C-alpha atoms as a PDB file:
ATOM      1  CA  THR A   1      -6.980  -6.222  14.725  1.00  0.00           C
ATOM      2  CA  LEU A   2      -8.268  -9.802  14.977  1.00  0.00           C
ATOM      3  CA  GLN A   3      -5.964 -10.710  17.847  1.00  0.00           C
ATOM      4  CA  LYS A   4      -7.510 -12.644  20.722  1.00  0.00           C
ATOM      5  CA  PRO A   5      -7.549 -10.596  23.948  1.00  0.00           C
ATOM      6  CA  SER A   6      -5.066 -12.453  26.130  1.00  0.00           C
ATOM      7  CA  LYS A   7      -3.636 -11.515  29.540  1.00  0.00           C
ATOM      8  CA  VAL A   8      -2.119  -8.178  30.549  1.00  0.00           C
ATOM      9  CA  THR A   9       1.137  -9.200  28.845  1.00  0.00           C
ATOM     10  CA  THR A  10      -0.273  -7.913  25.528  1.00  0.00           C
ATOM     11  CA  THR A  11       1.055  -4.388  26.198  1.00  0.00           C
ATOM     12  CA  GLN A  12       4.426  -5.057  24.527  1.00  0.00           C
ATOM     13  CA  PRO A  13       2.996  -6.585  21.301  1.00  0.00           C
ATOM     14  CA  GLN A  14       0.657  -3.597  20.989  1.00  0.00           C
ATOM     15  CA  VAL A  15       3.658  -1.252  20.925  1.00  0.00           C
ATOM     16  CA  LYS A  16       5.123  -3.295  18.067  1.00  0.00           C
ATOM     17  CA  ASN A  17       1.777  -3.161  16.268  1.00  0.00           C
ATOM     18  CA  LEU A  18       1.771   0.642  16.533  1.00  0.00           C
ATOM     19  CA  SER A  19       5.046   0.726  14.575  1.00  0.00           C
ATOM     20  CA  ASN A  20       3.543  -1.599  11.959  1.00  0.00           C
ATOM     21  CA  THR A  21       0.349   0.403  11.370  1.00  0.00           C
ATOM     22  CA  GLY A  22       1.491   1.186   7.821  1.00  0.00           C
ATOM     23  CA  SER A  23       1.790  -2.469   6.841  1.00  0.00           C
ATOM     24  CA  ASN A  24      -1.477  -3.234   8.624  1.00  0.00           C
ATOM     25  CA  VAL A  25      -3.247  -0.537   6.597  1.00  0.00           C
ATOM     26  CA  THR A  26      -1.929  -1.995   3.350  1.00  0.00           C
ATOM     27  CA  ILE A  27      -3.032  -5.484   4.412  1.00  0.00           C
ATOM     28  CA  LEU A  28      -6.492  -4.159   5.303  1.00  0.00           C
ATOM     29  CA  ALA A  29      -6.695  -2.399   1.937  1.00  0.00           C
ATOM     30  CA  ILE A  30      -5.784  -5.600   0.095  1.00  0.00           C
ATOM     31  CA  VAL A  31      -8.345  -7.556   2.111  1.00  0.00           C
ATOM     32  CA  ALA A  32     -11.002  -4.931   1.360  1.00  0.00           C
ATOM     33  CA  ILE A  33     -10.240  -5.086  -2.380  1.00  0.00           C
ATOM     34  CA  ILE A  34     -10.410  -8.887  -2.328  1.00  0.00           C
ATOM     35  CA  ALA A  35     -13.730  -8.706  -0.469  1.00  0.00           C
ATOM     36  CA  LEU A  36     -15.140  -6.251  -3.030  1.00  0.00           C
ATOM     37  CA  VAL A  37     -14.002  -8.425  -5.944  1.00  0.00           C
ATOM     38  CA  ALA A  38     -15.416 -11.546  -4.300  1.00  0.00           C
ATOM     39  CA  GLY A  39     -18.712  -9.739  -3.687  1.00  0.00           C
ATOM     40  CA  GLY A  40     -18.923  -8.681  -7.325  1.00  0.00           C
ATOM     41  CA  VAL A  41     -18.218 -12.232  -8.490  1.00  0.00           C
ATOM     42  CA  LEU A  42     -20.929 -13.576  -6.180  1.00  0.00           C
ATOM     43  CA  VAL A  43     -23.424 -11.059  -7.580  1.00  0.00           C
ATOM     44  CA  LEU A  44     -22.566 -12.061 -11.154  1.00  0.00           C
ATOM     45  CA  VAL A  45     -22.867 -15.756 -10.303  1.00  0.00           C
ATOM     46  CA  ARG A  46     -26.235 -15.201  -8.653  1.00  0.00           C
ATOM     47  CA  ARG A  47     -27.474 -13.274 -11.705  1.00  0.00           C
ATOM     48  CA  ARG A  48     -26.344 -16.084 -14.003  1.00  0.00           C
ATOM     49  CA  MET A  49     -27.988 -18.704 -11.773  1.00  0.00           C
ATOM     50  CA  ASN A  50     -31.273 -16.818 -11.898  1.00  0.00           C
END
């Protein structure tokens, strides 16, 4: 989803991405979990600093 919008030739890669939506969803889920964990760690660190 973070692909740079290039020329009109991006129609073929998009078709490949449609077939890989499952793997993309899993990657997004992993990224979301990592973001949540990182956010929790930051909150704990800020509380300890205060």
